[in-house]
Amino acid sequence: MGQINPKKSNIFKIKLVNLFLIALIFVSGGFYLIGMNNLVVKGFELQKLKHQAESLANENQEISTRKVVLESYHNIDSKLRDLNMVAIDKIEYLTATDEVIAKR
């Protein structure tokens, strides 16, 4: 029968270890590239969301300013004049006597 040459088995083991290390390097590189791609995509998405938040904040400021203008006394007064309502000259308050008010 044939004998196994110890040098050939050592060379085979070294080749097997080298092949395993090369495969490990490629797999690690793949995971690194996938991780970096995810980080870049998340960075772009974060930048987009920050821009959207800034745009909404500006729009909110403009709406608040417009609200203040629309609620101003001069604006309401001019709208009341356009409605042709009767102006109030005298205000009379009703006074209630003690007999009218319910007591316990």
PDB file of N, CA and C in Angstrom:
ATOM      1  N   MET A   1       0.818  -1.161   0.000  1.00  0.00           N
ATOM      2  CA  MET A   1       0.000   0.000   0.000  1.00  0.00           C
ATOM      3  C   MET A   1       0.874   1.240   0.000  1.00  0.00           C
ATOM      4  N   GLY A   2       0.183   2.381  -0.346  1.00  0.00           N
ATOM      5  CA  GLY A   2       0.928   3.619  -0.442  1.00  0.00           C
ATOM      6  C   GLY A   2       1.027   4.324   0.896  1.00  0.00           C
ATOM      7  N   GLN A   3       2.134   4.925   1.072  1.00  0.00           N
ATOM      8  CA  GLN A   3       2.316   5.698   2.287  1.00  0.00           C
ATOM      9  C   GLN A   3       2.009   7.167   2.001  1.00  0.00           C
ATOM     10  N   ILE A   4       1.515   7.823   3.025  1.00  0.00           N
ATOM     11  CA  ILE A   4       1.216   9.245   2.909  1.00  0.00           C
ATOM     12  C   ILE A   4       2.480  10.009   3.203  1.00  0.00           C
ATOM     13  N   ASN A   5       2.830  10.860   2.278  1.00  0.00           N
ATOM     14  CA  ASN A   5       4.030  11.664   2.432  1.00  0.00           C
ATOM     15  C   ASN A   5       3.720  12.811   3.392  1.00  0.00           C
ATOM     16  N   PRO A   6       4.476  12.974   4.485  1.00  0.00           N
ATOM     17  CA  PRO A   6       4.194  14.036   5.446  1.00  0.00           C
ATOM     18  C   PRO A   6       4.344  15.424   4.841  1.00  0.00           C
ATOM     19  N   LYS A   7       5.198  15.613   3.877  1.00  0.00           N
ATOM     20  CA  LYS A   7       5.368  16.930   3.261  1.00  0.00           C
ATOM     21  C   LYS A   7       4.118  17.295   2.462  1.00  0.00           C
ATOM     22  N   LYS A   8       3.532  16.309   1.770  1.00  0.00           N
ATOM     23  CA  LYS A   8       2.339  16.582   0.978  1.00  0.00           C
ATOM     24  C   LYS A   8       1.156  16.926   1.879  1.00  0.00           C
ATOM     25  N   SER A   9       1.029  16.248   3.023  1.00  0.00           N
ATOM     26  CA  SER A   9      -0.086  16.556   3.924  1.00  0.00           C
ATOM     27  C   SER A   9       0.091  17.947   4.544  1.00  0.00           C
ATOM     28  N   ASN A  10       1.329  18.332   4.840  1.00  0.00           N
ATOM     29  CA  ASN A  10       1.583  19.671   5.378  1.00  0.00           C
ATOM     30  C   ASN A  10       1.264  20.747   4.339  1.00  0.00           C
ATOM     31  N   ILE A  11       1.640  20.511   3.098  1.00  0.00           N
ATOM     32  CA  ILE A  11       1.358  21.463   2.031  1.00  0.00           C
ATOM     33  C   ILE A  11      -0.161  21.582   1.833  1.00  0.00           C
ATOM     34  N   PHE A  12      -0.861  20.455   1.874  1.00  0.00           N
ATOM     35  CA  PHE A  12      -2.313  20.461   1.733  1.00  0.00           C
ATOM     36  C   PHE A  12      -2.954  21.262   2.865  1.00  0.00           C
ATOM     37  N   LYS A  13      -2.474  21.081   4.098  1.00  0.00           N
ATOM     38  CA  LYS A  13      -3.015  21.834   5.235  1.00  0.00           C
ATOM     39  C   LYS A  13      -2.751  23.334   5.076  1.00  0.00           C
ATOM     40  N   ILE A  14      -1.559  23.690   4.609  1.00  0.00           N
ATOM     41  CA  ILE A  14      -1.217  25.101   4.422  1.00  0.00           C
ATOM     42  C   ILE A  14      -2.105  25.717   3.339  1.00  0.00           C
ATOM     43  N   LYS A  15      -2.309  24.967   2.228  1.00  0.00           N
ATOM     44  CA  LYS A  15      -3.180  25.467   1.162  1.00  0.00           C
ATOM     45  C   LYS A  15      -4.614  25.632   1.667  1.00  0.00           C
ATOM     46  N   LEU A  16      -5.073  24.701   2.475  1.00  0.00           N
ATOM     47  CA  LEU A  16      -6.428  24.773   3.020  1.00  0.00           C
ATOM     48  C   LEU A  16      -6.588  25.982   3.940  1.00  0.00           C
ATOM     49  N   VAL A  17      -5.587  26.238   4.786  1.00  0.00           N
ATOM     50  CA  VAL A  17      -5.625  27.395   5.692  1.00  0.00           C
ATOM     51  C   VAL A  17      -5.587  28.690   4.883  1.00  0.00           C
ATOM     52  N   ASN A  18      -4.731  28.744   3.845  1.00  0.00           N
ATOM     53  CA  ASN A  18      -4.658  29.935   2.988  1.00  0.00           C
ATOM     54  C   ASN A  18      -5.986  30.188   2.275  1.00  0.00           C
ATOM     55  N   LEU A  19      -6.601  29.137   1.760  1.00  0.00           N
ATOM     56  CA  LEU A  19      -7.893  29.274   1.088  1.00  0.00           C
ATOM     57  C   LEU A  19      -8.957  29.778   2.061  1.00  0.00           C
ATOM     58  N   PHE A  20      -8.937  29.260   3.288  1.00  0.00           N
ATOM     59  CA  PHE A  20      -9.875  29.713   4.310  1.00  0.00           C
ATOM     60  C   PHE A  20      -9.655  31.187   4.637  1.00  0.00           C
ATOM     61  N   LEU A  21      -8.400  31.611   4.765  1.00  0.00           N
ATOM     62  CA  LEU A  21      -8.100  33.015   5.079  1.00  0.00           C
ATOM     63  C   LEU A  21      -8.522  33.939   3.930  1.00  0.00           C
ATOM     64  N   ILE A  22      -8.291  33.520   2.689  1.00  0.00           N
ATOM     65  CA  ILE A  22      -8.698  34.339   1.544  1.00  0.00           C
ATOM     66  C   ILE A  22     -10.216  34.468   1.507  1.00  0.00           C
ATOM     67  N   ALA A  23     -10.929  33.377   1.740  1.00  0.00           N
ATOM     68  CA  ALA A  23     -12.395  33.419   1.762  1.00  0.00           C
ATOM     69  C   ALA A  23     -12.884  34.328   2.892  1.00  0.00           C
ATOM     70  N   LEU A  24     -12.233  34.240   4.047  1.00  0.00           N
ATOM     71  CA  LEU A  24     -12.600  35.080   5.187  1.00  0.00           C
ATOM     72  C   LEU A  24     -12.383  36.558   4.864  1.00  0.00           C
ATOM     73  N   ILE A  25     -11.297  36.879   4.161  1.00  0.00           N
ATOM     74  CA  ILE A  25     -11.016  38.269   3.779  1.00  0.00           C
ATOM     75  C   ILE A  25     -12.094  38.780   2.825  1.00  0.00           C
ATOM     76  N   PHE A  26     -12.478  37.953   1.835  1.00  0.00           N
ATOM     77  CA  PHE A  26     -13.520  38.380   0.900  1.00  0.00           C
ATOM     78  C   PHE A  26     -14.869  38.565   1.589  1.00  0.00           C
ATOM     79  N   VAL A  27     -15.232  37.664   2.469  1.00  0.00           N
ATOM     80  CA  VAL A  27     -16.509  37.783   3.187  1.00  0.00           C
ATOM     81  C   VAL A  27     -16.494  39.015   4.084  1.00  0.00           C
ATOM     82  N   SER A  28     -15.380  39.247   4.781  1.00  0.00           N
ATOM     83  CA  SER A  28     -15.272  40.441   5.639  1.00  0.00           C
ATOM     84  C   SER A  28     -15.351  41.710   4.811  1.00  0.00           C
ATOM     85  N   GLY A  29     -14.702  41.735   3.657  1.00  0.00           N
ATOM     86  CA  GLY A  29     -14.766  42.897   2.774  1.00  0.00           C
ATOM     87  C   GLY A  29     -16.177  43.146   2.274  1.00  0.00           C
ATOM     88  N   GLY A  30     -16.897  42.086   1.961  1.00  0.00           N
ATOM     89  CA  GLY A  30     -18.287  42.223   1.529  1.00  0.00           C
ATOM     90  C   GLY A  30     -19.145  42.827   2.619  1.00  0.00           C
ATOM     91  N   PHE A  31     -18.997  42.327   3.844  1.00  0.00           N
ATOM     92  CA  PHE A  31     -19.770  42.883   4.961  1.00  0.00           C
ATOM     93  C   PHE A  31     -19.399  44.343   5.214  1.00  0.00           C
ATOM     94  N   TYR A  32     -18.123  44.673   5.050  1.00  0.00           N
ATOM     95  CA  TYR A  32     -17.694  46.063   5.237  1.00  0.00           C
ATOM     96  C   TYR A  32     -18.345  46.969   4.192  1.00  0.00           C
ATOM     97  N   LEU A  33     -18.341  46.538   2.933  1.00  0.00           N
ATOM     98  CA  LEU A  33     -18.954  47.340   1.871  1.00  0.00           C
ATOM     99  C   LEU A  33     -20.455  47.503   2.091  1.00  0.00           C
ATOM    100  N   ILE A  34     -21.127  46.454   2.518  1.00  0.00           N
ATOM    101  CA  ILE A  34     -22.563  46.543   2.788  1.00  0.00           C
ATOM    102  C   ILE A  34     -22.828  47.511   3.938  1.00  0.00           C
ATOM    103  N   GLY A  35     -22.017  47.432   4.987  1.00  0.00           N
ATOM    104  CA  GLY A  35     -22.172  48.338   6.132  1.00  0.00           C
ATOM    105  C   GLY A  35     -21.935  49.789   5.749  1.00  0.00           C
ATOM    106  N   MET A  36     -20.903  50.041   4.965  1.00  0.00           N
ATOM    107  CA  MET A  36     -20.610  51.412   4.532  1.00  0.00           C
ATOM    108  C   MET A  36     -21.718  51.942   3.627  1.00  0.00           C
ATOM    109  N   ASN A  37     -22.252  51.091   2.760  1.00  0.00           N
ATOM    110  CA  ASN A  37     -23.348  51.505   1.886  1.00  0.00           C
ATOM    111  C   ASN A  37     -24.562  51.907   2.724  1.00  0.00           C
ATOM    112  N   ASN A  38     -24.874  51.122   3.748  1.00  0.00           N
ATOM    113  CA  ASN A  38     -25.997  51.465   4.629  1.00  0.00           C
ATOM    114  C   ASN A  38     -25.772  52.797   5.330  1.00  0.00           C
ATOM    115  N   LEU A  39     -24.553  53.047   5.796  1.00  0.00           N
ATOM    116  CA  LEU A  39     -24.251  54.318   6.465  1.00  0.00           C
ATOM    117  C   LEU A  39     -24.402  55.499   5.512  1.00  0.00           C
ATOM    118  N   VAL A  40     -23.951  55.350   4.281  1.00  0.00           N
ATOM    119  CA  VAL A  40     -24.058  56.433   3.310  1.00  0.00           C
ATOM    120  C   VAL A  40     -25.520  56.720   2.989  1.00  0.00           C
ATOM    121  N   VAL A  41     -26.306  55.662   2.795  1.00  0.00           N
ATOM    122  CA  VAL A  41     -27.728  55.842   2.488  1.00  0.00           C
ATOM    123  C   VAL A  41     -28.431  56.529   3.660  1.00  0.00           C
ATOM    124  N   LYS A  42     -28.125  56.117   4.881  1.00  0.00           N
ATOM    125  CA  LYS A  42     -28.731  56.747   6.056  1.00  0.00           C
ATOM    126  C   LYS A  42     -28.306  58.202   6.183  1.00  0.00           C
ATOM    127  N   GLY A  43     -27.076  58.519   5.820  1.00  0.00           N
ATOM    128  CA  GLY A  43     -26.604  59.906   5.852  1.00  0.00           C
ATOM    129  C   GLY A  43     -27.376  60.782   4.878  1.00  0.00           C
ATOM    130  N   PHE A  44     -27.583  60.271   3.656  1.00  0.00           N
ATOM    131  CA  PHE A  44     -28.362  61.029   2.670  1.00  0.00           C
ATOM    132  C   PHE A  44     -29.799  61.213   3.138  1.00  0.00           C
ATOM    133  N   GLU A  45     -30.370  60.170   3.709  1.00  0.00           N
ATOM    134  CA  GLU A  45     -31.752  60.263   4.191  1.00  0.00           C
ATOM    135  C   GLU A  45     -31.851  61.263   5.340  1.00  0.00           C
ATOM    136  N   LEU A  46     -30.868  61.255   6.241  1.00  0.00           N
ATOM    137  CA  LEU A  46     -30.855  62.203   7.355  1.00  0.00           C
ATOM    138  C   LEU A  46     -30.734  63.637   6.842  1.00  0.00           C
ATOM    139  N   GLN A  47     -29.884  63.843   5.846  1.00  0.00           N
ATOM    140  CA  GLN A  47     -29.732  65.181   5.271  1.00  0.00           C
ATOM    141  C   GLN A  47     -31.046  65.634   4.633  1.00  0.00           C
ATOM    142  N   LYS A  48     -31.720  64.733   3.952  1.00  0.00           N
ATOM    143  CA  LYS A  48     -33.003  65.055   3.320  1.00  0.00           C
ATOM    144  C   LYS A  48     -34.047  65.417   4.374  1.00  0.00           C
ATOM    145  N   LEU A  49     -34.087  64.655   5.479  1.00  0.00           N
ATOM    146  CA  LEU A  49     -35.056  64.924   6.545  1.00  0.00           C
ATOM    147  C   LEU A  49     -34.756  66.243   7.256  1.00  0.00           C
ATOM    148  N   LYS A  50     -33.479  66.568   7.431  1.00  0.00           N
ATOM    149  CA  LYS A  50     -33.121  67.852   8.047  1.00  0.00           C
ATOM    150  C   LYS A  50     -33.558  69.007   7.163  1.00  0.00           C
ATOM    151  N   HIS A  51     -33.377  68.857   5.859  1.00  0.00           N
ATOM    152  CA  HIS A  51     -33.810  69.908   4.930  1.00  0.00           C
ATOM    153  C   HIS A  51     -35.329  70.053   4.980  1.00  0.00           C
ATOM    154  N   GLN A  52     -36.034  68.933   5.053  1.00  0.00           N
ATOM    155  CA  GLN A  52     -37.495  68.973   5.125  1.00  0.00           C
ATOM    156  C   GLN A  52     -37.948  69.631   6.432  1.00  0.00           C
ATOM    157  N   ALA A  53     -37.283  69.329   7.548  1.00  0.00           N
ATOM    158  CA  ALA A  53     -37.640  69.930   8.834  1.00  0.00           C
ATOM    159  C   ALA A  53     -37.405  71.437   8.805  1.00  0.00           C
ATOM    160  N   GLU A  54     -36.311  71.857   8.180  1.00  0.00           N
ATOM    161  CA  GLU A  54     -36.030  73.293   8.069  1.00  0.00           C
ATOM    162  C   GLU A  54     -37.082  73.985   7.209  1.00  0.00           C
ATOM    163  N   SER A  55     -37.476  73.348   6.133  1.00  0.00           N
ATOM    164  CA  SER A  55     -38.507  73.909   5.259  1.00  0.00           C
ATOM    165  C   SER A  55     -39.836  74.029   6.003  1.00  0.00           C
ATOM    166  N   LEU A  56     -40.192  73.004   6.776  1.00  0.00           N
ATOM    167  CA  LEU A  56     -41.440  73.048   7.545  1.00  0.00           C
ATOM    168  C   LEU A  56     -41.388  74.104   8.640  1.00  0.00           C
ATOM    169  N   ALA A  57     -40.228  74.293   9.255  1.00  0.00           N
ATOM    170  CA  ALA A  57     -40.092  75.327  10.282  1.00  0.00           C
ATOM    171  C   ALA A  57     -40.285  76.717   9.668  1.00  0.00           C
ATOM    172  N   ASN A  58     -39.720  76.933   8.473  1.00  0.00           N
ATOM    173  CA  ASN A  58     -39.911  78.221   7.793  1.00  0.00           C
ATOM    174  C   ASN A  58     -41.373  78.434   7.429  1.00  0.00           C
ATOM    175  N   GLU A  59     -42.015  77.380   6.944  1.00  0.00           N
ATOM    176  CA  GLU A  59     -43.431  77.487   6.588  1.00  0.00           C
ATOM    177  C   GLU A  59     -44.285  77.773   7.825  1.00  0.00           C
ATOM    178  N   ASN A  60     -43.939  77.132   8.938  1.00  0.00           N
ATOM    179  CA  ASN A  60     -44.664  77.361  10.190  1.00  0.00           C
ATOM    180  C   ASN A  60     -44.508  78.803  10.644  1.00  0.00           C
ATOM    181  N   GLN A  61     -43.313  79.355  10.503  1.00  0.00           N
ATOM    182  CA  GLN A  61     -43.068  80.748  10.880  1.00  0.00           C
ATOM    183  C   GLN A  61     -43.902  81.694  10.018  1.00  0.00           C
ATOM    184  N   GLU A  62     -43.958  81.412   8.711  1.00  0.00           N
ATOM    185  CA  GLU A  62     -44.754  82.254   7.814  1.00  0.00           C
ATOM    186  C   GLU A  62     -46.242  82.177   8.154  1.00  0.00           C
ATOM    187  N   ILE A  63     -46.726  80.990   8.476  1.00  0.00           N
ATOM    188  CA  ILE A  63     -48.135  80.824   8.830  1.00  0.00           C
ATOM    189  C   ILE A  63     -48.439  81.542  10.146  1.00  0.00           C
ATOM    190  N   SER A  64     -47.529  81.456  11.109  1.00  0.00           N
ATOM    191  CA  SER A  64     -47.732  82.156  12.384  1.00  0.00           C
ATOM    192  C   SER A  64     -47.776  83.664  12.176  1.00  0.00           C
ATOM    193  N   THR A  65     -46.902  84.171  11.336  1.00  0.00           N
ATOM    194  CA  THR A  65     -46.897  85.605  11.045  1.00  0.00           C
ATOM    195  C   THR A  65     -48.199  86.020  10.367  1.00  0.00           C
ATOM    196  N   ARG A  66     -48.651  85.215   9.428  1.00  0.00           N
ATOM    197  CA  ARG A  66     -49.909  85.527   8.740  1.00  0.00           C
ATOM    198  C   ARG A  66     -51.088  85.480   9.709  1.00  0.00           C
ATOM    199  N   LYS A  67     -51.058  84.546  10.648  1.00  0.00           N
ATOM    200  CA  LYS A  67     -52.123  84.437  11.651  1.00  0.00           C
ATOM    201  C   LYS A  67     -52.185  85.698  12.504  1.00  0.00           C
ATOM    202  N   VAL A  68     -51.025  86.169  12.928  1.00  0.00           N
ATOM    203  CA  VAL A  68     -50.973  87.391  13.741  1.00  0.00           C
ATOM    204  C   VAL A  68     -51.529  88.571  12.954  1.00  0.00           C
ATOM    205  N   VAL A  69     -51.177  88.658  11.679  1.00  0.00           N
ATOM    206  CA  VAL A  69     -51.673  89.763  10.850  1.00  0.00           C
ATOM    207  C   VAL A  69     -53.185  89.671  10.706  1.00  0.00           C
ATOM    208  N   LEU A  70     -53.692  88.469  10.458  1.00  0.00           N
ATOM    209  CA  LEU A  70     -55.135  88.310  10.264  1.00  0.00           C
ATOM    210  C   LEU A  70     -55.924  88.551  11.547  1.00  0.00           C
ATOM    211  N   GLU A  71     -55.314  88.308  12.705  1.00  0.00           N
ATOM    212  CA  GLU A  71     -56.005  88.520  13.981  1.00  0.00           C
ATOM    213  C   GLU A  71     -55.822  89.932  14.525  1.00  0.00           C
ATOM    214  N   SER A  72     -55.118  90.765  13.809  1.00  0.00           N
ATOM    215  CA  SER A  72     -54.862  92.106  14.316  1.00  0.00           C
ATOM    216  C   SER A  72     -56.163  92.913  14.391  1.00  0.00           C
ATOM    217  N   TYR A  73     -56.161  93.916  15.256  1.00  0.00           N
ATOM    218  CA  TYR A  73     -57.348  94.734  15.496  1.00  0.00           C
ATOM    219  C   TYR A  73     -57.774  95.474  14.226  1.00  0.00           C
ATOM    220  N   HIS A  74     -56.832  96.006  13.489  1.00  0.00           N
ATOM    221  CA  HIS A  74     -57.166  96.783  12.287  1.00  0.00           C
ATOM    222  C   HIS A  74     -57.828  95.903  11.234  1.00  0.00           C
ATOM    223  N   ASN A  75     -57.343  94.686  11.101  1.00  0.00           N
ATOM    224  CA  ASN A  75     -57.924  93.777  10.122  1.00  0.00           C
ATOM    225  C   ASN A  75     -59.347  93.392  10.515  1.00  0.00           C
ATOM    226  N   ILE A  76     -59.557  93.090  11.784  1.00  0.00           N
ATOM    227  CA  ILE A  76     -60.897  92.726  12.257  1.00  0.00           C
ATOM    228  C   ILE A  76     -61.829  93.930  12.158  1.00  0.00           C
ATOM    229  N   ASP A  77     -61.328  95.109  12.502  1.00  0.00           N
ATOM    230  CA  ASP A  77     -62.140  96.329  12.433  1.00  0.00           C
ATOM    231  C   ASP A  77     -62.576  96.610  10.996  1.00  0.00           C
ATOM    232  N   SER A  78     -61.687  96.448  10.048  1.00  0.00           N
ATOM    233  CA  SER A  78     -62.063  96.696   8.647  1.00  0.00           C
ATOM    234  C   SER A  78     -63.076  95.669   8.155  1.00  0.00           C
ATOM    235  N   LYS A  79     -62.968  94.452   8.610  1.00  0.00           N
ATOM    236  CA  LYS A  79     -63.950  93.440   8.219  1.00  0.00           C
ATOM    237  C   LYS A  79     -65.317  93.735   8.830  1.00  0.00           C
ATOM    238  N   LEU A  80     -65.339  94.252  10.058  1.00  0.00           N
ATOM    239  CA  LEU A  80     -66.613  94.612  10.683  1.00  0.00           C
ATOM    240  C   LEU A  80     -67.275  95.769   9.955  1.00  0.00           C
ATOM    241  N   ARG A  81     -66.502  96.727   9.488  1.00  0.00           N
ATOM    242  CA  ARG A  81     -67.068  97.843   8.725  1.00  0.00           C
ATOM    243  C   ARG A  81     -67.691  97.343   7.416  1.00  0.00           C
ATOM    244  N   ASP A  82     -67.064  96.354   6.804  1.00  0.00           N
ATOM    245  CA  ASP A  82     -67.594  95.808   5.554  1.00  0.00           C
ATOM    246  C   ASP A  82     -68.919  95.085   5.769  1.00  0.00           C
ATOM    247  N   LEU A  83     -69.174  94.610   6.984  1.00  0.00           N
ATOM    248  CA  LEU A  83     -70.421  93.893   7.276  1.00  0.00           C
ATOM    249  C   LEU A  83     -71.595  94.834   7.541  1.00  0.00           C
ATOM    250  N   ASN A  84     -71.341  96.123   7.654  1.00  0.00           N
ATOM    251  CA  ASN A  84     -72.373  97.130   7.918  1.00  0.00           C
ATOM    252  C   ASN A  84     -73.161  96.820   9.195  1.00  0.00           C
ATOM    253  N   MET A  85     -72.474  96.517  10.236  1.00  0.00           N
ATOM    254  CA  MET A  85     -73.126  96.254  11.516  1.00  0.00           C
ATOM    255  C   MET A  85     -73.356  97.575  12.243  1.00  0.00           C
ATOM    256  N   VAL A  86     -74.301  97.562  13.136  1.00  0.00           N
ATOM    257  CA  VAL A  86     -74.638  98.750  13.901  1.00  0.00           C
ATOM    258  C   VAL A  86     -73.607  98.913  15.012  1.00  0.00           C
ATOM    259  N   ALA A  87     -73.114 100.134  15.166  1.00  0.00           N
ATOM    260  CA  ALA A  87     -72.146 100.411  16.209  1.00  0.00           C
ATOM    261  C   ALA A  87     -72.843 100.511  17.560  1.00  0.00           C
ATOM    262  N   ILE A  88     -72.164 100.108  18.595  1.00  0.00           N
ATOM    263  CA  ILE A  88     -72.722 100.164  19.946  1.00  0.00           C
ATOM    264  C   ILE A  88     -72.324 101.486  20.579  1.00  0.00           C
ATOM    265  N   ASP A  89     -73.352 102.255  20.997  1.00  0.00           N
ATOM    266  CA  ASP A  89     -73.067 103.541  21.633  1.00  0.00           C
ATOM    267  C   ASP A  89     -73.082 103.403  23.146  1.00  0.00           C
ATOM    268  N   LYS A  90     -74.191 102.885  23.666  1.00  0.00           N
ATOM    269  CA  LYS A  90     -74.353 102.762  25.116  1.00  0.00           C
ATOM    270  C   LYS A  90     -74.534 101.288  25.460  1.00  0.00           C
ATOM    271  N   ILE A  91     -73.962 100.926  26.537  1.00  0.00           N
ATOM    272  CA  ILE A  91     -74.138  99.561  27.022  1.00  0.00           C
ATOM    273  C   ILE A  91     -74.861  99.637  28.350  1.00  0.00           C
ATOM    274  N   GLU A  92     -75.952  98.954  28.447  1.00  0.00           N
ATOM    275  CA  GLU A  92     -76.712  98.896  29.693  1.00  0.00           C
ATOM    276  C   GLU A  92     -76.670  97.472  30.221  1.00  0.00           C
ATOM    277  N   TYR A  93     -76.328  97.372  31.475  1.00  0.00           N
ATOM    278  CA  TYR A  93     -76.261  96.057  32.099  1.00  0.00           C
ATOM    279  C   TYR A  93     -77.512  95.832  32.936  1.00  0.00           C
ATOM    280  N   LEU A  94     -77.971  94.610  32.947  1.00  0.00           N
ATOM    281  CA  LEU A  94     -79.115  94.258  33.782  1.00  0.00           C
ATOM    282  C   LEU A  94     -78.644  94.044  35.206  1.00  0.00           C
ATOM    283  N   THR A  95     -79.405  94.552  36.128  1.00  0.00           N
ATOM    284  CA  THR A  95     -79.083  94.333  37.531  1.00  0.00           C
ATOM    285  C   THR A  95     -80.143  93.414  38.113  1.00  0.00           C
ATOM    286  N   ALA A  96     -79.704  92.450  38.833  1.00  0.00           N
ATOM    287  CA  ALA A  96     -80.632  91.489  39.434  1.00  0.00           C
ATOM    288  C   ALA A  96     -80.742  91.778  40.926  1.00  0.00           C
ATOM    289  N   THR A  97     -81.941  91.696  41.431  1.00  0.00           N
ATOM    290  CA  THR A  97     -82.145  91.910  42.851  1.00  0.00           C
ATOM    291  C   THR A  97     -81.904  90.586  43.580  1.00  0.00           C
ATOM    292  N   ASP A  98     -81.861  90.665  44.898  1.00  0.00           N
ATOM    293  CA  ASP A  98     -81.596  89.459  45.691  1.00  0.00           C
ATOM    294  C   ASP A  98     -82.727  88.441  45.595  1.00  0.00           C
ATOM    295  N   GLU A  99     -83.938  88.889  45.348  1.00  0.00           N
ATOM    296  CA  GLU A  99     -85.057  87.964  45.265  1.00  0.00           C
ATOM    297  C   GLU A  99     -84.994  87.093  44.013  1.00  0.00           C
ATOM    298  N   VAL A 100     -84.365  87.592  42.965  1.00  0.00           N
ATOM    299  CA  VAL A 100     -84.315  86.864  41.693  1.00  0.00           C
ATOM    300  C   VAL A 100     -83.248  85.769  41.742  1.00  0.00           C
ATOM    301  N   ILE A 101     -82.181  86.003  42.446  1.00  0.00           N
ATOM    302  CA  ILE A 101     -81.075  85.049  42.480  1.00  0.00           C
ATOM    303  C   ILE A 101     -81.437  83.893  43.406  1.00  0.00           C
ATOM    304  N   ALA A 102     -81.194  82.699  42.930  1.00  0.00           N
ATOM    305  CA  ALA A 102     -81.492  81.524  43.747  1.00  0.00           C
ATOM    306  C   ALA A 102     -80.440  81.384  44.838  1.00  0.00           C
ATOM    307  N   LYS A 103     -80.922  81.136  46.044  1.00  0.00           N
ATOM    308  CA  LYS A 103     -80.023  80.966  47.181  1.00  0.00           C
ATOM    309  C   LYS A 103     -80.295  79.614  47.814  1.00  0.00           C
ATOM    310  N   ARG A 104     -79.342  79.146  48.504  1.00  0.00           N
ATOM    311  CA  ARG A 104     -79.514  77.866  49.206  1.00  0.00           C
ATOM    312  C   ARG A 104     -80.008  78.099  50.599  1.00  0.00           C
TER     313      ARG A 104
END
